[in-house]
C-alpha atoms as a PDB file:
ATOM      1  CA  MET A   1     115.260 115.006  78.211  1.00  0.00           C
ATOM      2  CA  THR A   2     111.366 116.193  79.914  1.00  0.00           C
ATOM      3  CA  LYS A   3     111.201 119.274  81.620  1.00  0.00           C
ATOM      4  CA  ILE A   4     108.619 119.476  83.862  1.00  0.00           C
ATOM      5  CA  THR A   5     107.503 122.963  85.450  1.00  0.00           C
ATOM      6  CA  LEU A   6     106.232 122.890  88.834  1.00  0.00           C
ATOM      7  CA  SER A   7     103.474 124.555  89.690  1.00  0.00           C
ATOM      8  CA  VAL A   8     104.258 124.869  93.212  1.00  0.00           C
ATOM      9  CA  PRO A   9     108.226 125.751  93.738  1.00  0.00           C
ATOM     10  CA  VAL A  10     110.317 123.386  96.077  1.00  0.00           C
ATOM     11  CA  GLU A  11     112.153 124.939  98.693  1.00  0.00           C
ATOM     12  CA  LEU A  12     114.644 123.188  99.838  1.00  0.00           C
ATOM     13  CA  ASP A  13     118.099 124.130 102.118  1.00  0.00           C
ATOM     14  CA  GLY A  14     118.045 127.923 100.632  1.00  0.00           C
ATOM     15  CA  THR A  15     117.229 126.779  97.234  1.00  0.00           C
ATOM     16  CA  THR A  16     114.224 126.915  95.283  1.00  0.00           C
ATOM     17  CA  PHE A  17     113.092 123.846  92.514  1.00  0.00           C
ATOM     18  CA  THR A  18     110.999 125.570  89.945  1.00  0.00           C
ATOM     19  CA  GLU A  19     111.414 122.824  87.037  1.00  0.00           C
ATOM     20  CA  LEU A  20     112.698 119.123  86.961  1.00  0.00           C
ATOM     21  CA  ASN A  21     114.100 117.898  83.533  1.00  0.00           C
ATOM     22  CA  LEU A  22     114.040 113.989  83.591  1.00  0.00           C
ATOM     23  CA  ARG A  23     116.462 112.282  81.741  1.00  0.00           C
ATOM     24  CA  ARG A  24     116.148 109.116  79.309  1.00  0.00           C
ATOM     25  CA  ILE A  25     116.252 106.181  81.913  1.00  0.00           C
ATOM     26  CA  ASN A  26     119.093 103.906  82.159  1.00  0.00           C
ATOM     27  CA  LEU A  27     119.473  99.927  83.799  1.00  0.00           C
ATOM     28  CA  GLY A  28     120.869 101.622  87.039  1.00  0.00           C
ATOM     29  CA  ASP A  29     117.603 103.602  87.419  1.00  0.00           C
ATOM     30  CA  ILE A  30     115.461 100.634  86.984  1.00  0.00           C
ATOM     31  CA  GLU A  31     117.703  98.534  89.476  1.00  0.00           C
ATOM     32  CA  THR A  32     117.062 101.411  92.081  1.00  0.00           C
ATOM     33  CA  VAL A  33     113.362 100.642  91.769  1.00  0.00           C
ATOM     34  CA  VAL A  34     113.986  97.001  92.099  1.00  0.00           C
ATOM     35  CA  ALA A  35     116.262  97.385  95.213  1.00  0.00           C
ATOM     36  CA  SER A  36     113.258  99.922  97.301  1.00  0.00           C
ATOM     37  CA  THR A  37     111.363  98.345 100.020  1.00  0.00           C
ATOM     38  CA  ASP A  38     108.045  99.128  98.104  1.00  0.00           C
ATOM     39  CA  GLU A  39     106.613 100.626  94.760  1.00  0.00           C
ATOM     40  CA  MET A  40     106.293 104.881  95.984  1.00  0.00           C
ATOM     41  CA  SER A  41     109.540 105.060  97.356  1.00  0.00           C
ATOM     42  CA  GLY A  42     111.212 103.335  93.947  1.00  0.00           C
ATOM     43  CA  LEU A  43     108.920 105.601  91.973  1.00  0.00           C
ATOM     44  CA  VAL A  44     110.163 108.914  94.596  1.00  0.00           C
ATOM     45  CA  ALA A  45     113.632 107.741  94.204  1.00  0.00           C
ATOM     46  CA  LEU A  46     113.841 107.091  90.251  1.00  0.00           C
ATOM     47  CA  ILE A  47     111.803 110.424  89.534  1.00  0.00           C
ATOM     48  CA  ALA A  48     115.191 111.979  91.686  1.00  0.00           C
ATOM     49  CA  ARG A  49     117.894 110.255  90.146  1.00  0.00           C
ATOM     50  CA  LEU A  50     116.123 111.009  86.740  1.00  0.00           C
ATOM     51  CA  ALA A  51     116.396 115.143  87.536  1.00  0.00           C
ATOM     52  CA  ASN A  52     119.226 114.728  89.526  1.00  0.00           C
ATOM     53  CA  VAL A  53     117.831 116.364  92.437  1.00  0.00           C
ATOM     54  CA  PRO A  54     117.854 115.307  96.236  1.00  0.00           C
ATOM     55  CA  ILE A  55     114.959 112.789  96.884  1.00  0.00           C
ATOM     56  CA  GLU A  56     113.650 114.999  99.481  1.00  0.00           C
ATOM     57  CA  VAL A  57     112.888 117.807  96.878  1.00  0.00           C
ATOM     58  CA  VAL A  58     110.354 115.124  95.356  1.00  0.00           C
ATOM     59  CA  ARG A  59     108.985 114.414  98.528  1.00  0.00           C
ATOM     60  CA  LEU A  60     108.366 117.926  99.032  1.00  0.00           C
ATOM     61  CA  MET A  61     106.216 118.332  95.449  1.00  0.00           C
ATOM     62  CA  ASP A  62     102.733 119.318  95.027  1.00  0.00           C
ATOM     63  CA  LEU A  63     100.654 116.252  94.569  1.00  0.00           C
ATOM     64  CA  VAL A  64      99.661 117.928  90.663  1.00  0.00           C
ATOM     65  CA  ASP A  65     102.948 118.179  90.246  1.00  0.00           C
ATOM     66  CA  THR A  66     104.040 114.842  91.318  1.00  0.00           C
ATOM     67  CA  VAL A  67     101.062 113.144  88.933  1.00  0.00           C
ATOM     68  CA  GLY A  68     102.706 114.600  86.140  1.00  0.00           C
ATOM     69  CA  ALA A  69     106.164 113.338  86.861  1.00  0.00           C
ATOM     70  CA  MET A  70     105.186 110.576  87.283  1.00  0.00           C
ATOM     71  CA  ASP A  71     103.366 110.703  84.143  1.00  0.00           C
ATOM     72  CA  ALA A  72     106.790 111.729  82.163  1.00  0.00           C
ATOM     73  CA  VAL A  73     107.966 108.624  83.671  1.00  0.00           C
ATOM     74  CA  ALA A  74     105.607 106.681  82.453  1.00  0.00           C
ATOM     75  CA  THR A  75     106.065 108.225  79.129  1.00  0.00           C
ATOM     76  CA  LEU A  76     110.225 107.656  78.951  1.00  0.00           C
ATOM     77  CA  LEU A  77     109.265 103.909  80.152  1.00  0.00           C
ATOM     78  CA  ALA A  78     106.620 103.861  77.125  1.00  0.00           C
ATOM     79  CA  GLY A  79     108.956 105.106  74.711  1.00  0.00           C
ATOM     80  CA  MET A  80     111.603 102.673  75.296  1.00  0.00           C
ATOM     81  CA  SER A  81     112.415  99.621  72.925  1.00  0.00           C
ATOM     82  CA  VAL A  82     113.492  96.144  73.783  1.00  0.00           C
ATOM     83  CA  LYS A  83     114.854  94.569  70.744  1.00  0.00           C
ATOM     84  CA  PRO A  84     116.769  91.295  71.641  1.00  0.00           C
ATOM     85  CA  ALA A  85     120.602  91.040  72.289  1.00  0.00           C
ATOM     86  CA  LEU A  86     120.833  88.124  69.230  1.00  0.00           C
ATOM     87  CA  PRO A  87     119.395  87.941  65.962  1.00  0.00           C
ATOM     88  CA  LYS A  88     116.863  85.586  65.211  1.00  0.00           C
ATOM     89  CA  ALA A  89     117.796  82.330  63.720  1.00  0.00           C
ATOM     90  CA  LYS A  90     117.579  81.530  60.693  1.00  0.00           C
ATOM     91  CA  ARG A  91     114.975  78.392  60.155  1.00  0.00           C
ATOM     92  CA  THR A  92     115.989  75.930  57.276  1.00  0.00           C
ATOM     93  CA  LYS A  93     113.182  73.327  55.191  1.00  0.00           C
ATOM     94  CA  ARG A  94     113.408  70.140  56.011  1.00  0.00           C
END
């Protein structure tokens, strides 16, 4: 889990958000991004899903905090390794 402390807390419906805790990314999260109408909407939805907060919290975040969250998501994505589903076939000599 990646913790992001907000430099400017977000107030929504009587709740104050001072930090976001981003969990690891799963395939459902990627599907959300792909289904979005544009990249920014997808990124906002992804941050909200990973932090388990209402999407409006992300929309209300200070730009500096938003960039920090984007960097954290990029780091999570960069840390993922993609391995082949099947083992490589052995080559035989002819």
